[in-house]
Amino acid sequence: MSTAASDPKIDEYAHPDRLVTTAWLAERIEAGEVGTPGGIVLLESDEDVLLYDTGHIPGAQKIDWHTDLNDPVTRDYVDGEAFARVLGSRGIRRDTTVVIYGDKSNWWAAYALWVFSLFGHEDVRLLDGGRATWVAEDRELTRDVPTPDAVDYPVVERDDAPIRAYQDDVLAHLGKPLVDVRSPGEYSGELLHMPDYPQEGAMRGGHIPGAKSVPWAKAANEDGTFRSRAELEALYQGEQGLTPSDEVVAYCRIGERSSHTWFVLTHLLGFEHVRNYDGSWTEWGNSVRVPIEK
């Protein structure tokens, strides 16, 4: 199986093995390497959880960010046993190459990839441009739902500390680089949620003290693909003064848009110490006696 997604743009990134192109994926599907025993497992993770059923990339299975990856009771992710069940039921072994894509420029695909990373799944990649680019290129969609044979996936407990920040971690981090990836209106406190979404979920508006506003969308082209490495370096290192050795915490409202930025900083630019604060503004904006700025 070819595992490299050689492409001039992707080859420039710090970790080019974390991103594939639509052309690469189409070739793998044509070669029968997707969805077959021992092959690549393709997953779709969307904000619109009904979208998969309307048509998806051939061989893709659905993974629901809420019901598959979140604990049903506590605001946390599933434990090792549940994660093993989710992946094993989709034919994923510990050494399987997993490619994830989705809507909204891969917000929830990046979120799923980040959760996979909490469990240390080594070979997990994003499809550059996600669902929108595949559709825009008029590539094949199907409603056929794969039925993979279940396999054994080992029970591996999460290792949150390297890439996940809790509220106490952020309080201790104040004064160090923080990236608020929400819209400008949310950052300023004018909005409590993204424009055109219900304005609910937090008691207060504003941002975490010291956070720099770098909306996630600045890292994406109009078609949802990631900007080039040079453009991303100009944005984060040139305009914002961040360096790859910085300890950075990114946040949004509930952690999905900041997963996109976490992916950019970690895998496209090679920052080594980036954590995603998935509690984000729904926790910070509702917490008693934590500081905010407007």
C-alpha atoms as a PDB file:
ATOM      1  CA  MET A   1       0.000   0.000   0.000  1.00  0.00           C
ATOM      2  CA  SER A   2       1.258   3.439  -0.865  1.00  0.00           C
ATOM      3  CA  THR A   3       1.281   5.507   2.289  1.00  0.00           C
ATOM      4  CA  ALA A   4       2.836   8.739   1.059  1.00  0.00           C
ATOM      5  CA  ALA A   5       0.635  11.482  -0.307  1.00  0.00           C
ATOM      6  CA  SER A   6       3.322  13.171  -2.362  1.00  0.00           C
ATOM      7  CA  ASP A   7       2.158  16.605  -3.394  1.00  0.00           C
ATOM      8  CA  PRO A   8       4.196  19.798  -3.720  1.00  0.00           C
ATOM      9  CA  LYS A   9       2.074  21.705  -1.206  1.00  0.00           C
ATOM     10  CA  ILE A  10       1.759  18.879   1.288  1.00  0.00           C
ATOM     11  CA  ASP A  11       5.448  18.000   1.068  1.00  0.00           C
ATOM     12  CA  GLU A  12       6.262  21.455   2.481  1.00  0.00           C
ATOM     13  CA  TYR A  13       4.424  20.840   5.751  1.00  0.00           C
ATOM     14  CA  ALA A  14       6.189  19.734   8.907  1.00  0.00           C
ATOM     15  CA  HIS A  15       4.337  16.415   9.011  1.00  0.00           C
ATOM     16  CA  PRO A  16       3.220  15.708   5.442  1.00  0.00           C
ATOM     17  CA  ASP A  17       2.152  12.217   6.437  1.00  0.00           C
ATOM     18  CA  ARG A  18      -0.835  13.719   8.262  1.00  0.00           C
ATOM     19  CA  LEU A  19      -2.603  15.078   5.189  1.00  0.00           C
ATOM     20  CA  VAL A  20      -3.770  13.522   1.931  1.00  0.00           C
ATOM     21  CA  THR A  21      -5.204  14.989  -1.233  1.00  0.00           C
ATOM     22  CA  THR A  22      -8.467  14.082  -2.926  1.00  0.00           C
ATOM     23  CA  ALA A  23      -6.454  12.746  -5.884  1.00  0.00           C
ATOM     24  CA  TRP A  24      -4.442  10.448  -3.594  1.00  0.00           C
ATOM     25  CA  LEU A  25      -7.589   9.159  -1.944  1.00  0.00           C
ATOM     26  CA  ALA A  26      -9.312   8.589  -5.300  1.00  0.00           C
ATOM     27  CA  GLU A  27      -6.312   6.554  -6.463  1.00  0.00           C
ATOM     28  CA  ARG A  28      -6.394   4.448  -3.301  1.00  0.00           C
ATOM     29  CA  ILE A  29     -10.121   3.806  -3.759  1.00  0.00           C
ATOM     30  CA  GLU A  30      -9.586   2.853  -7.404  1.00  0.00           C
ATOM     31  CA  ALA A  31      -6.800   0.487  -6.332  1.00  0.00           C
ATOM     32  CA  GLY A  32      -9.095  -1.259  -3.867  1.00  0.00           C
ATOM     33  CA  GLU A  33      -7.083  -0.128  -0.858  1.00  0.00           C
ATOM     34  CA  VAL A  34      -9.934   1.574   1.002  1.00  0.00           C
ATOM     35  CA  GLY A  35     -12.381  -0.339   3.137  1.00  0.00           C
ATOM     36  CA  THR A  36     -10.863  -3.728   2.403  1.00  0.00           C
ATOM     37  CA  PRO A  37      -9.412  -6.008   5.110  1.00  0.00           C
ATOM     38  CA  GLY A  38      -6.037  -4.637   6.124  1.00  0.00           C
ATOM     39  CA  GLY A  39      -6.534  -1.543   4.023  1.00  0.00           C
ATOM     40  CA  ILE A  40      -7.131   2.124   4.667  1.00  0.00           C
ATOM     41  CA  VAL A  41     -10.175   2.967   6.769  1.00  0.00           C
ATOM     42  CA  LEU A  42     -11.979   6.106   5.665  1.00  0.00           C
ATOM     43  CA  LEU A  43     -14.184   7.949   8.169  1.00  0.00           C
ATOM     44  CA  GLU A  44     -16.577  10.877   7.729  1.00  0.00           C
ATOM     45  CA  SER A  45     -17.178  13.150  10.722  1.00  0.00           C
ATOM     46  CA  ASP A  46     -19.596  16.038  10.232  1.00  0.00           C
ATOM     47  CA  GLU A  47     -21.284  18.799  12.168  1.00  0.00           C
ATOM     48  CA  ASP A  48     -24.444  17.879  10.259  1.00  0.00           C
ATOM     49  CA  VAL A  49     -24.826  14.324  11.503  1.00  0.00           C
ATOM     50  CA  LEU A  50     -27.415  13.559   8.790  1.00  0.00           C
ATOM     51  CA  LEU A  51     -25.090  14.509   5.932  1.00  0.00           C
ATOM     52  CA  TYR A  52     -23.378  11.122   5.608  1.00  0.00           C
ATOM     53  CA  ASP A  53     -26.676   9.447   4.757  1.00  0.00           C
ATOM     54  CA  THR A  54     -27.246  11.751   1.785  1.00  0.00           C
ATOM     55  CA  GLY A  55     -24.095  10.439   0.105  1.00  0.00           C
ATOM     56  CA  HIS A  56     -20.476   9.911   1.085  1.00  0.00           C
ATOM     57  CA  ILE A  57     -17.132   8.972  -0.419  1.00  0.00           C
ATOM     58  CA  PRO A  58     -17.125   5.295  -1.460  1.00  0.00           C
ATOM     59  CA  GLY A  59     -15.875   3.104   1.359  1.00  0.00           C
ATOM     60  CA  ALA A  60     -16.353   5.741   4.036  1.00  0.00           C
ATOM     61  CA  GLN A  61     -17.848   4.904   7.390  1.00  0.00           C
ATOM     62  CA  LYS A  62     -19.516   7.432   9.652  1.00  0.00           C
ATOM     63  CA  ILE A  63     -18.063   8.422  12.982  1.00  0.00           C
ATOM     64  CA  ASP A  64     -20.232  10.653  15.130  1.00  0.00           C
ATOM     65  CA  TRP A  65     -18.224  13.126  17.189  1.00  0.00           C
ATOM     66  CA  HIS A  66     -20.901  13.157  19.883  1.00  0.00           C
ATOM     67  CA  THR A  67     -22.191   9.591  20.211  1.00  0.00           C
ATOM     68  CA  ASP A  68     -18.978   7.755  19.298  1.00  0.00           C
ATOM     69  CA  LEU A  69     -16.267   9.891  20.878  1.00  0.00           C
ATOM     70  CA  ASN A  70     -17.939  11.634  23.841  1.00  0.00           C
ATOM     71  CA  ASP A  71     -18.821   9.995  27.125  1.00  0.00           C
ATOM     72  CA  PRO A  72     -22.633   9.788  27.383  1.00  0.00           C
ATOM     73  CA  VAL A  73     -22.719  11.148  30.949  1.00  0.00           C
ATOM     74  CA  THR A  74     -19.702  13.254  31.842  1.00  0.00           C
ATOM     75  CA  ARG A  75     -18.390  16.065  29.678  1.00  0.00           C
ATOM     76  CA  ASP A  76     -15.386  14.062  28.608  1.00  0.00           C
ATOM     77  CA  TYR A  77     -14.240  11.660  25.946  1.00  0.00           C
ATOM     78  CA  VAL A  78     -14.857   7.948  25.948  1.00  0.00           C
ATOM     79  CA  ASP A  79     -12.473   5.750  27.897  1.00  0.00           C
ATOM     80  CA  GLY A  80     -10.077   3.217  26.453  1.00  0.00           C
ATOM     81  CA  GLU A  81     -12.576   0.379  26.398  1.00  0.00           C
ATOM     82  CA  ALA A  82     -15.209   2.397  24.551  1.00  0.00           C
ATOM     83  CA  PHE A  83     -12.652   3.767  22.103  1.00  0.00           C
ATOM     84  CA  ALA A  84     -11.486   0.213  21.374  1.00  0.00           C
ATOM     85  CA  ARG A  85     -15.079  -0.840  20.689  1.00  0.00           C
ATOM     86  CA  VAL A  86     -15.686   2.100  18.353  1.00  0.00           C
ATOM     87  CA  LEU A  87     -12.552   1.485  16.326  1.00  0.00           C
ATOM     88  CA  GLY A  88     -12.704  -2.305  16.385  1.00  0.00           C
ATOM     89  CA  SER A  89     -16.283  -2.238  15.100  1.00  0.00           C
ATOM     90  CA  ARG A  90     -15.063  -0.257  12.097  1.00  0.00           C
ATOM     91  CA  GLY A  91     -12.320  -2.712  11.237  1.00  0.00           C
ATOM     92  CA  ILE A  92      -9.548  -0.508  12.610  1.00  0.00           C
ATOM     93  CA  ARG A  93      -6.485  -2.108  14.148  1.00  0.00           C
ATOM     94  CA  ARG A  94      -3.779  -0.261  16.031  1.00  0.00           C
ATOM     95  CA  ASP A  95      -1.619  -0.046  12.877  1.00  0.00           C
ATOM     96  CA  THR A  96      -4.412   0.828  10.443  1.00  0.00           C
ATOM     97  CA  THR A  97      -4.090   3.924   8.290  1.00  0.00           C
ATOM     98  CA  VAL A  98      -7.154   6.052   9.023  1.00  0.00           C
ATOM     99  CA  VAL A  99      -8.205   8.994   6.838  1.00  0.00           C
ATOM    100  CA  ILE A 100     -10.869  11.340   8.194  1.00  0.00           C
ATOM    101  CA  TYR A 101     -12.828  14.010   6.359  1.00  0.00           C
ATOM    102  CA  GLY A 102     -15.953  16.030   6.992  1.00  0.00           C
ATOM    103  CA  ASP A 103     -17.971  19.165   6.448  1.00  0.00           C
ATOM    104  CA  LYS A 104     -17.218  22.702   7.679  1.00  0.00           C
ATOM    105  CA  SER A 105     -13.637  22.641   6.354  1.00  0.00           C
ATOM    106  CA  ASN A 106     -12.912  19.555   8.443  1.00  0.00           C
ATOM    107  CA  TRP A 107     -13.769  21.015  11.867  1.00  0.00           C
ATOM    108  CA  TRP A 108     -15.127  17.743  13.199  1.00  0.00           C
ATOM    109  CA  ALA A 109     -12.697  15.653  11.208  1.00  0.00           C
ATOM    110  CA  ALA A 110      -9.854  17.526  12.903  1.00  0.00           C
ATOM    111  CA  TYR A 111     -11.629  17.071  16.220  1.00  0.00           C
ATOM    112  CA  ALA A 112     -11.875  13.306  15.623  1.00  0.00           C
ATOM    113  CA  LEU A 113      -8.217  13.192  14.608  1.00  0.00           C
ATOM    114  CA  TRP A 114      -7.303  15.038  17.798  1.00  0.00           C
ATOM    115  CA  VAL A 115      -9.294  12.539  19.905  1.00  0.00           C
ATOM    116  CA  PHE A 116      -7.585   9.660  18.080  1.00  0.00           C
ATOM    117  CA  SER A 117      -4.305  11.358  19.014  1.00  0.00           C
ATOM    118  CA  LEU A 118      -5.296  11.391  22.701  1.00  0.00           C
ATOM    119  CA  PHE A 119      -5.285   7.608  22.425  1.00  0.00           C
ATOM    120  CA  GLY A 120      -2.019   7.582  20.509  1.00  0.00           C
ATOM    121  CA  HIS A 121      -3.338   6.130  17.252  1.00  0.00           C
ATOM    122  CA  GLU A 122      -0.267   6.631  15.128  1.00  0.00           C
ATOM    123  CA  ASP A 123      -1.440   6.780  11.520  1.00  0.00           C
ATOM    124  CA  VAL A 124      -4.409   9.111  11.277  1.00  0.00           C
ATOM    125  CA  ARG A 125      -4.720  11.715   8.529  1.00  0.00           C
ATOM    126  CA  LEU A 126      -7.030  14.418   7.218  1.00  0.00           C
ATOM    127  CA  LEU A 127      -8.326  14.746   3.676  1.00  0.00           C
ATOM    128  CA  ASP A 128      -7.287  18.243   2.561  1.00  0.00           C
ATOM    129  CA  GLY A 129     -10.419  20.237   1.834  1.00  0.00           C
ATOM    130  CA  GLY A 130     -12.668  17.593   3.308  1.00  0.00           C
ATOM    131  CA  ARG A 131     -16.085  16.794   1.954  1.00  0.00           C
ATOM    132  CA  ALA A 132     -16.576  20.127   0.187  1.00  0.00           C
ATOM    133  CA  THR A 133     -13.509  19.748  -2.009  1.00  0.00           C
ATOM    134  CA  TRP A 134     -14.408  16.164  -2.928  1.00  0.00           C
ATOM    135  CA  VAL A 135     -17.898  17.279  -3.945  1.00  0.00           C
ATOM    136  CA  ALA A 136     -16.647  20.393  -5.765  1.00  0.00           C
ATOM    137  CA  GLU A 137     -14.389  18.199  -7.869  1.00  0.00           C
ATOM    138  CA  ASP A 138     -17.469  16.193  -8.871  1.00  0.00           C
ATOM    139  CA  ARG A 139     -16.004  12.982  -7.521  1.00  0.00           C
ATOM    140  CA  GLU A 140     -18.103   9.921  -6.815  1.00  0.00           C
ATOM    141  CA  LEU A 141     -20.477   9.730  -3.882  1.00  0.00           C
ATOM    142  CA  THR A 142     -22.472   6.727  -2.759  1.00  0.00           C
ATOM    143  CA  ARG A 143     -25.136   5.837  -0.241  1.00  0.00           C
ATOM    144  CA  ASP A 144     -23.759   2.315   0.157  1.00  0.00           C
ATOM    145  CA  VAL A 145     -22.805   1.789   3.783  1.00  0.00           C
ATOM    146  CA  PRO A 146     -19.784  -0.469   4.368  1.00  0.00           C
ATOM    147  CA  THR A 147     -20.136  -3.409   6.742  1.00  0.00           C
ATOM    148  CA  PRO A 148     -16.586  -4.148   7.907  1.00  0.00           C
ATOM    149  CA  ASP A 149     -15.700  -7.208   9.906  1.00  0.00           C
ATOM    150  CA  ALA A 150     -15.030  -6.297  13.527  1.00  0.00           C
ATOM    151  CA  VAL A 151     -11.416  -6.634  14.647  1.00  0.00           C
ATOM    152  CA  ASP A 152      -9.611  -6.369  17.957  1.00  0.00           C
ATOM    153  CA  TYR A 153      -8.358  -2.920  18.877  1.00  0.00           C
ATOM    154  CA  PRO A 154      -6.309  -2.800  22.085  1.00  0.00           C
ATOM    155  CA  VAL A 155      -7.602  -0.972  25.125  1.00  0.00           C
ATOM    156  CA  VAL A 156      -5.331   2.047  25.410  1.00  0.00           C
ATOM    157  CA  GLU A 157      -6.027   4.720  27.995  1.00  0.00           C
ATOM    158  CA  ARG A 158      -5.895   8.334  26.901  1.00  0.00           C
ATOM    159  CA  ASP A 159      -2.822  10.431  27.501  1.00  0.00           C
ATOM    160  CA  ASP A 160      -4.392  13.880  27.674  1.00  0.00           C
ATOM    161  CA  ALA A 161      -1.584  15.930  29.137  1.00  0.00           C
ATOM    162  CA  PRO A 162       0.568  16.568  26.031  1.00  0.00           C
ATOM    163  CA  ILE A 163      -2.189  17.933  23.778  1.00  0.00           C
ATOM    164  CA  ARG A 164      -5.218  18.702  25.973  1.00  0.00           C
ATOM    165  CA  ALA A 165      -5.639  21.596  28.407  1.00  0.00           C
ATOM    166  CA  TYR A 166      -8.147  21.771  31.232  1.00  0.00           C
ATOM    167  CA  GLN A 167      -9.365  24.995  32.827  1.00  0.00           C
ATOM    168  CA  ASP A 168      -6.795  24.802  35.630  1.00  0.00           C
ATOM    169  CA  ASP A 169      -4.065  24.337  33.024  1.00  0.00           C
ATOM    170  CA  VAL A 170      -5.235  27.470  31.239  1.00  0.00           C
ATOM    171  CA  LEU A 171      -5.325  29.471  34.475  1.00  0.00           C
ATOM    172  CA  ALA A 172      -1.727  28.417  35.086  1.00  0.00           C
ATOM    173  CA  HIS A 173      -0.907  29.266  31.469  1.00  0.00           C
ATOM    174  CA  LEU A 174      -2.093  32.895  31.602  1.00  0.00           C
ATOM    175  CA  GLY A 175       0.658  35.141  30.322  1.00  0.00           C
ATOM    176  CA  LYS A 176       1.836  32.543  27.793  1.00  0.00           C
ATOM    177  CA  PRO A 177       0.614  32.216  24.191  1.00  0.00           C
ATOM    178  CA  LEU A 178      -3.128  31.691  23.868  1.00  0.00           C
ATOM    179  CA  VAL A 179      -4.918  31.581  20.526  1.00  0.00           C
ATOM    180  CA  ASP A 180      -8.639  32.340  20.355  1.00  0.00           C
ATOM    181  CA  VAL A 181      -9.787  30.845  17.047  1.00  0.00           C
ATOM    182  CA  ARG A 182     -13.408  32.032  17.213  1.00  0.00           C
ATOM    183  CA  SER A 183     -14.942  34.742  15.079  1.00  0.00           C
ATOM    184  CA  PRO A 184     -14.047  38.386  15.814  1.00  0.00           C
ATOM    185  CA  GLY A 185     -17.529  38.982  17.251  1.00  0.00           C
ATOM    186  CA  GLU A 186     -17.117  36.157  19.753  1.00  0.00           C
ATOM    187  CA  TYR A 187     -13.636  37.353  20.679  1.00  0.00           C
ATOM    188  CA  SER A 188     -14.852  40.881  21.347  1.00  0.00           C
ATOM    189  CA  GLY A 189     -17.800  39.678  23.436  1.00  0.00           C
ATOM    190  CA  GLU A 190     -20.391  41.003  21.004  1.00  0.00           C
ATOM    191  CA  LEU A 191     -21.479  37.419  20.280  1.00  0.00           C
ATOM    192  CA  LEU A 192     -21.721  34.326  22.473  1.00  0.00           C
ATOM    193  CA  HIS A 193     -21.627  31.912  19.517  1.00  0.00           C
ATOM    194  CA  MET A 194     -20.723  31.990  15.859  1.00  0.00           C
ATOM    195  CA  PRO A 195     -22.697  34.373  13.640  1.00  0.00           C
ATOM    196  CA  ASP A 196     -26.020  32.836  12.514  1.00  0.00           C
ATOM    197  CA  TYR A 197     -26.015  30.318  15.360  1.00  0.00           C
ATOM    198  CA  PRO A 198     -28.251  30.566  18.474  1.00  0.00           C
ATOM    199  CA  GLN A 199     -26.595  33.004  20.870  1.00  0.00           C
ATOM    200  CA  GLU A 200     -26.468  30.739  23.882  1.00  0.00           C
ATOM    201  CA  GLY A 201     -24.092  28.518  25.779  1.00  0.00           C
ATOM    202  CA  ALA A 202     -22.212  31.068  27.891  1.00  0.00           C
ATOM    203  CA  MET A 203     -23.154  33.606  30.534  1.00  0.00           C
ATOM    204  CA  ARG A 204     -20.542  36.136  29.493  1.00  0.00           C
ATOM    205  CA  GLY A 205     -18.895  37.232  26.284  1.00  0.00           C
ATOM    206  CA  GLY A 206     -15.259  38.109  25.722  1.00  0.00           C
ATOM    207  CA  HIS A 207     -12.016  36.200  25.645  1.00  0.00           C
ATOM    208  CA  ILE A 208      -9.397  34.711  27.948  1.00  0.00           C
ATOM    209  CA  PRO A 209      -6.951  37.419  29.086  1.00  0.00           C
ATOM    210  CA  GLY A 210      -3.967  37.711  26.789  1.00  0.00           C
ATOM    211  CA  ALA A 211      -5.436  35.560  24.026  1.00  0.00           C
ATOM    212  CA  LYS A 212      -4.689  36.604  20.469  1.00  0.00           C
ATOM    213  CA  SER A 213      -7.516  36.516  17.959  1.00  0.00           C
ATOM    214  CA  VAL A 214      -6.632  34.263  15.029  1.00  0.00           C
ATOM    215  CA  PRO A 215      -9.899  32.939  13.571  1.00  0.00           C
ATOM    216  CA  TRP A 216      -9.495  29.362  12.367  1.00  0.00           C
ATOM    217  CA  ALA A 217     -10.717  30.312   8.882  1.00  0.00           C
ATOM    218  CA  LYS A 218      -7.557  32.301   8.225  1.00  0.00           C
ATOM    219  CA  ALA A 219      -5.751  28.974   7.931  1.00  0.00           C
ATOM    220  CA  ALA A 220      -8.034  27.770   5.138  1.00  0.00           C
ATOM    221  CA  ASN A 221      -8.526  28.676   1.512  1.00  0.00           C
ATOM    222  CA  GLU A 222     -11.954  29.439   0.095  1.00  0.00           C
ATOM    223  CA  ASP A 223     -12.339  25.804  -0.950  1.00  0.00           C
ATOM    224  CA  GLY A 224     -11.592  24.536   2.550  1.00  0.00           C
ATOM    225  CA  THR A 225      -8.087  23.270   1.820  1.00  0.00           C
ATOM    226  CA  PHE A 226      -5.288  24.389   4.085  1.00  0.00           C
ATOM    227  CA  ARG A 227      -3.203  27.383   3.125  1.00  0.00           C
ATOM    228  CA  SER A 228       0.392  26.768   2.135  1.00  0.00           C
ATOM    229  CA  ARG A 229       3.075  26.449   4.768  1.00  0.00           C
ATOM    230  CA  ALA A 230       4.506  29.842   3.800  1.00  0.00           C
ATOM    231  CA  GLU A 231       1.102  31.481   4.227  1.00  0.00           C
ATOM    232  CA  LEU A 232       0.562  29.776   7.589  1.00  0.00           C
ATOM    233  CA  GLU A 233       4.002  30.806   8.796  1.00  0.00           C
ATOM    234  CA  ALA A 234       3.260  34.391   7.787  1.00  0.00           C
ATOM    235  CA  LEU A 235      -0.006  34.249   9.745  1.00  0.00           C
ATOM    236  CA  TYR A 236       1.077  32.605  12.996  1.00  0.00           C
ATOM    237  CA  GLN A 237       4.785  33.378  13.161  1.00  0.00           C
ATOM    238  CA  GLY A 238       4.928  36.627  11.209  1.00  0.00           C
ATOM    239  CA  GLU A 239       1.742  38.403  12.275  1.00  0.00           C
ATOM    240  CA  GLN A 240       1.301  36.845  15.732  1.00  0.00           C
ATOM    241  CA  GLY A 241       4.927  36.373  16.708  1.00  0.00           C
ATOM    242  CA  LEU A 242       4.546  32.735  17.708  1.00  0.00           C
ATOM    243  CA  THR A 243       7.504  30.389  17.414  1.00  0.00           C
ATOM    244  CA  PRO A 244       7.504  26.586  17.024  1.00  0.00           C
ATOM    245  CA  SER A 245       9.050  26.179  20.475  1.00  0.00           C
ATOM    246  CA  ASP A 246       6.278  28.146  22.210  1.00  0.00           C
ATOM    247  CA  GLU A 247       3.839  26.487  24.565  1.00  0.00           C
ATOM    248  CA  VAL A 248       0.511  27.351  22.957  1.00  0.00           C
ATOM    249  CA  VAL A 249      -3.081  26.776  24.049  1.00  0.00           C
ATOM    250  CA  ALA A 250      -5.839  27.106  21.448  1.00  0.00           C
ATOM    251  CA  TYR A 251      -9.533  27.353  22.232  1.00  0.00           C
ATOM    252  CA  CYS A 252     -12.880  28.142  20.632  1.00  0.00           C
ATOM    253  CA  ARG A 253     -16.378  27.417  21.960  1.00  0.00           C
ATOM    254  CA  ILE A 254     -16.383  23.648  22.462  1.00  0.00           C
ATOM    255  CA  GLY A 255     -13.106  22.501  20.960  1.00  0.00           C
ATOM    256  CA  GLU A 256     -13.812  21.643  17.338  1.00  0.00           C
ATOM    257  CA  ARG A 257     -12.608  24.822  15.622  1.00  0.00           C
ATOM    258  CA  SER A 258      -9.578  24.847  17.899  1.00  0.00           C
ATOM    259  CA  SER A 259      -8.865  21.245  16.853  1.00  0.00           C
ATOM    260  CA  HIS A 260      -8.486  22.640  13.326  1.00  0.00           C
ATOM    261  CA  THR A 261      -5.957  25.194  14.572  1.00  0.00           C
ATOM    262  CA  TRP A 262      -4.240  22.575  16.761  1.00  0.00           C
ATOM    263  CA  PHE A 263      -3.780  20.474  13.612  1.00  0.00           C
ATOM    264  CA  VAL A 264      -2.342  23.435  11.713  1.00  0.00           C
ATOM    265  CA  LEU A 265       0.139  24.414  14.395  1.00  0.00           C
ATOM    266  CA  THR A 266       1.135  20.851  15.288  1.00  0.00           C
ATOM    267  CA  HIS A 267       1.197  18.986  12.005  1.00  0.00           C
ATOM    268  CA  LEU A 268       1.498  21.635   9.316  1.00  0.00           C
ATOM    269  CA  LEU A 269       3.907  24.008  11.088  1.00  0.00           C
ATOM    270  CA  GLY A 270       5.611  21.591  13.479  1.00  0.00           C
ATOM    271  CA  PHE A 271       4.907  23.349  16.782  1.00  0.00           C
ATOM    272  CA  GLU A 272       5.805  20.828  19.482  1.00  0.00           C
ATOM    273  CA  HIS A 273       3.812  22.049  22.474  1.00  0.00           C
ATOM    274  CA  VAL A 274       0.264  22.866  21.437  1.00  0.00           C
ATOM    275  CA  ARG A 275      -2.710  21.967  23.596  1.00  0.00           C
ATOM    276  CA  ASN A 276      -6.380  22.198  22.744  1.00  0.00           C
ATOM    277  CA  TYR A 277      -8.578  23.611  25.523  1.00  0.00           C
ATOM    278  CA  ASP A 278     -11.749  21.732  24.597  1.00  0.00           C
ATOM    279  CA  GLY A 279     -13.689  23.137  27.558  1.00  0.00           C
ATOM    280  CA  SER A 280     -13.244  26.389  25.665  1.00  0.00           C
ATOM    281  CA  TRP A 281     -15.631  29.312  26.018  1.00  0.00           C
ATOM    282  CA  THR A 282     -18.641  27.240  27.103  1.00  0.00           C
ATOM    283  CA  GLU A 283     -16.667  26.409  30.230  1.00  0.00           C
ATOM    284  CA  TRP A 284     -14.650  29.603  30.662  1.00  0.00           C
ATOM    285  CA  GLY A 285     -17.576  31.928  29.930  1.00  0.00           C
ATOM    286  CA  ASN A 286     -19.749  30.176  32.504  1.00  0.00           C
ATOM    287  CA  SER A 287     -17.193  29.702  35.282  1.00  0.00           C
ATOM    288  CA  VAL A 288     -17.336  31.675  38.484  1.00  0.00           C
ATOM    289  CA  ARG A 289     -14.495  34.099  39.167  1.00  0.00           C
ATOM    290  CA  VAL A 290     -12.292  33.326  36.186  1.00  0.00           C
ATOM    291  CA  PRO A 291     -10.997  36.459  34.498  1.00  0.00           C
ATOM    292  CA  ILE A 292     -12.113  37.608  31.066  1.00  0.00           C
ATOM    293  CA  GLU A 293     -11.276  40.455  28.747  1.00  0.00           C
ATOM    294  CA  LYS A 294     -13.408  42.268  26.212  1.00  0.00           C
END
